Amino acid sequence: MKKVFATLALLAFATAAVPVWAAPQTVTLDVPGMTCPACPFTVKKALSRVDGVEKVEVSLKQREAVVTFDNTVTSPQALAEATTNAGYAATIKH
């Protein structure tokens, strides 16, 4: 009986920890410092390492990165900071 109660308590806690309204969001970052063919690889790698990032598309031609992420884990500001820390200052495109 104790195992059943412990299992139910664990399940209740696990489902309560995930908000119902959590959903993937997409943000576009302007990354004007990308000037060579290798730059998008560095930017993509930096963004992919951020917890909560689900998908990254980087365009050298547009000098931007489109990132799909879990908004309960990370934020657009954290994504911009990740590219900045990799040497490519980024701003959130509105």
C-alpha atoms as a PDB file:
ATOM      1  CA  MET A   1       0.000   0.000   0.000  1.00  0.00           C
ATOM      2  CA  LYS A   2       2.850   2.368   0.816  1.00  0.00           C
ATOM      3  CA  LYS A   3       4.355   1.783  -2.639  1.00  0.00           C
ATOM      4  CA  VAL A   4       1.046   2.622  -4.322  1.00  0.00           C
ATOM      5  CA  PHE A   5       0.724   5.827  -2.301  1.00  0.00           C
ATOM      6  CA  ALA A   6       4.341   6.790  -3.037  1.00  0.00           C
ATOM      7  CA  THR A   7       3.833   6.171  -6.763  1.00  0.00           C
ATOM      8  CA  LEU A   8       0.661   8.242  -6.856  1.00  0.00           C
ATOM      9  CA  ALA A   9       2.339  11.061  -4.935  1.00  0.00           C
ATOM     10  CA  LEU A  10       5.270  11.022  -7.358  1.00  0.00           C
ATOM     11  CA  LEU A  11       2.947  11.127 -10.368  1.00  0.00           C
ATOM     12  CA  ALA A  12       0.974  14.009  -8.879  1.00  0.00           C
ATOM     13  CA  PHE A  13       4.167  15.956  -8.231  1.00  0.00           C
ATOM     14  CA  ALA A  14       5.555  15.260 -11.716  1.00  0.00           C
ATOM     15  CA  THR A  15       2.415  16.446 -13.488  1.00  0.00           C
ATOM     16  CA  ALA A  16       2.108  19.505 -11.250  1.00  0.00           C
ATOM     17  CA  ALA A  17       5.666  20.544 -12.110  1.00  0.00           C
ATOM     18  CA  VAL A  18       4.820  20.959 -15.801  1.00  0.00           C
ATOM     19  CA  PRO A  19       2.513  23.908 -16.487  1.00  0.00           C
ATOM     20  CA  VAL A  20      -0.417  23.152 -18.730  1.00  0.00           C
ATOM     21  CA  TRP A  21       0.220  26.287 -20.778  1.00  0.00           C
ATOM     22  CA  ALA A  22       3.829  25.354 -21.677  1.00  0.00           C
ATOM     23  CA  ALA A  23       4.265  25.284 -25.425  1.00  0.00           C
ATOM     24  CA  PRO A  24       7.087  25.659 -27.897  1.00  0.00           C
ATOM     25  CA  GLN A  25       7.720  29.234 -28.912  1.00  0.00           C
ATOM     26  CA  THR A  26       9.750  30.648 -31.781  1.00  0.00           C
ATOM     27  CA  VAL A  27      11.926  33.737 -31.752  1.00  0.00           C
ATOM     28  CA  THR A  28      14.028  35.359 -34.460  1.00  0.00           C
ATOM     29  CA  LEU A  29      17.372  36.804 -33.463  1.00  0.00           C
ATOM     30  CA  ASP A  30      19.243  39.393 -35.517  1.00  0.00           C
ATOM     31  CA  VAL A  31      22.904  38.383 -35.631  1.00  0.00           C
ATOM     32  CA  PRO A  32      24.608  41.092 -37.727  1.00  0.00           C
ATOM     33  CA  GLY A  33      28.143  39.932 -36.895  1.00  0.00           C
ATOM     34  CA  MET A  34      27.869  36.823 -39.068  1.00  0.00           C
ATOM     35  CA  THR A  35      30.051  37.600 -42.056  1.00  0.00           C
ATOM     36  CA  CYS A  36      31.584  34.309 -43.241  1.00  0.00           C
ATOM     37  CA  PRO A  37      30.329  30.823 -44.134  1.00  0.00           C
ATOM     38  CA  ALA A  38      31.596  29.370 -40.823  1.00  0.00           C
ATOM     39  CA  CYS A  39      29.710  31.862 -38.627  1.00  0.00           C
ATOM     40  CA  PRO A  40      26.293  30.144 -38.824  1.00  0.00           C
ATOM     41  CA  PHE A  41      27.809  26.889 -37.548  1.00  0.00           C
ATOM     42  CA  THR A  42      29.168  28.624 -34.449  1.00  0.00           C
ATOM     43  CA  VAL A  43      25.873  30.418 -33.794  1.00  0.00           C
ATOM     44  CA  LYS A  44      23.845  27.234 -34.277  1.00  0.00           C
ATOM     45  CA  LYS A  45      26.121  25.287 -31.952  1.00  0.00           C
ATOM     46  CA  ALA A  46      25.869  27.964 -29.232  1.00  0.00           C
ATOM     47  CA  LEU A  47      22.076  28.051 -29.453  1.00  0.00           C
ATOM     48  CA  SER A  48      21.718  24.265 -29.583  1.00  0.00           C
ATOM     49  CA  ARG A  49      23.565  23.973 -26.271  1.00  0.00           C
ATOM     50  CA  VAL A  50      20.946  26.040 -24.425  1.00  0.00           C
ATOM     51  CA  ASP A  51      18.599  23.835 -22.401  1.00  0.00           C
ATOM     52  CA  GLY A  52      15.073  23.928 -23.816  1.00  0.00           C
ATOM     53  CA  VAL A  53      16.073  24.634 -27.422  1.00  0.00           C
ATOM     54  CA  GLU A  54      14.222  22.329 -29.800  1.00  0.00           C
ATOM     55  CA  LYS A  55      15.204  23.630 -33.242  1.00  0.00           C
ATOM     56  CA  VAL A  56      17.663  26.168 -34.687  1.00  0.00           C
ATOM     57  CA  GLU A  57      17.817  27.535 -38.222  1.00  0.00           C
ATOM     58  CA  VAL A  58      20.558  30.056 -39.034  1.00  0.00           C
ATOM     59  CA  SER A  59      20.764  32.136 -42.208  1.00  0.00           C
ATOM     60  CA  LEU A  60      23.995  33.869 -43.177  1.00  0.00           C
ATOM     61  CA  LYS A  61      22.217  35.728 -45.962  1.00  0.00           C
ATOM     62  CA  GLN A  62      19.550  37.129 -43.604  1.00  0.00           C
ATOM     63  CA  ARG A  63      22.039  37.342 -40.708  1.00  0.00           C
ATOM     64  CA  GLU A  64      19.477  35.857 -38.365  1.00  0.00           C
ATOM     65  CA  ALA A  65      18.690  32.776 -36.323  1.00  0.00           C
ATOM     66  CA  VAL A  66      15.207  31.337 -35.868  1.00  0.00           C
ATOM     67  CA  VAL A  67      14.960  29.325 -32.660  1.00  0.00           C
ATOM     68  CA  THR A  68      12.128  27.134 -31.391  1.00  0.00           C
ATOM     69  CA  PHE A  69      12.334  26.599 -27.639  1.00  0.00           C
ATOM     70  CA  ASP A  70      10.430  25.604 -24.519  1.00  0.00           C
ATOM     71  CA  ASN A  71       9.532  28.841 -22.754  1.00  0.00           C
ATOM     72  CA  THR A  72       9.385  27.111 -19.373  1.00  0.00           C
ATOM     73  CA  VAL A  73      13.078  26.260 -19.659  1.00  0.00           C
ATOM     74  CA  THR A  74      14.692  29.237 -21.414  1.00  0.00           C
ATOM     75  CA  SER A  75      13.927  32.714 -22.738  1.00  0.00           C
ATOM     76  CA  PRO A  76      14.683  34.841 -25.798  1.00  0.00           C
ATOM     77  CA  GLN A  77      17.077  36.881 -23.658  1.00  0.00           C
ATOM     78  CA  ALA A  78      19.029  33.750 -22.698  1.00  0.00           C
ATOM     79  CA  LEU A  79      19.225  32.765 -26.372  1.00  0.00           C
ATOM     80  CA  ALA A  80      20.585  36.175 -27.360  1.00  0.00           C
ATOM     81  CA  GLU A  81      23.079  35.925 -24.506  1.00  0.00           C
ATOM     82  CA  ALA A  82      24.257  32.518 -25.764  1.00  0.00           C
ATOM     83  CA  THR A  83      25.147  33.903 -29.196  1.00  0.00           C
ATOM     84  CA  THR A  84      26.765  36.961 -27.637  1.00  0.00           C
ATOM     85  CA  ASN A  85      28.895  34.720 -25.425  1.00  0.00           C
ATOM     86  CA  ALA A  86      29.962  32.845 -28.578  1.00  0.00           C
ATOM     87  CA  GLY A  87      31.192  36.108 -30.089  1.00  0.00           C
ATOM     88  CA  TYR A  88      28.129  37.084 -32.119  1.00  0.00           C
ATOM     89  CA  ALA A  89      26.052  39.807 -30.497  1.00  0.00           C
ATOM     90  CA  ALA A  90      22.354  39.209 -31.090  1.00  0.00           C
ATOM     91  CA  THR A  91      19.162  41.137 -30.550  1.00  0.00           C
ATOM     92  CA  ILE A  92      15.583  39.900 -30.491  1.00  0.00           C
ATOM     93  CA  LYS A  93      13.794  40.762 -33.704  1.00  0.00           C
ATOM     94  CA  HIS A  94      10.320  42.216 -33.117  1.00  0.00           C
END
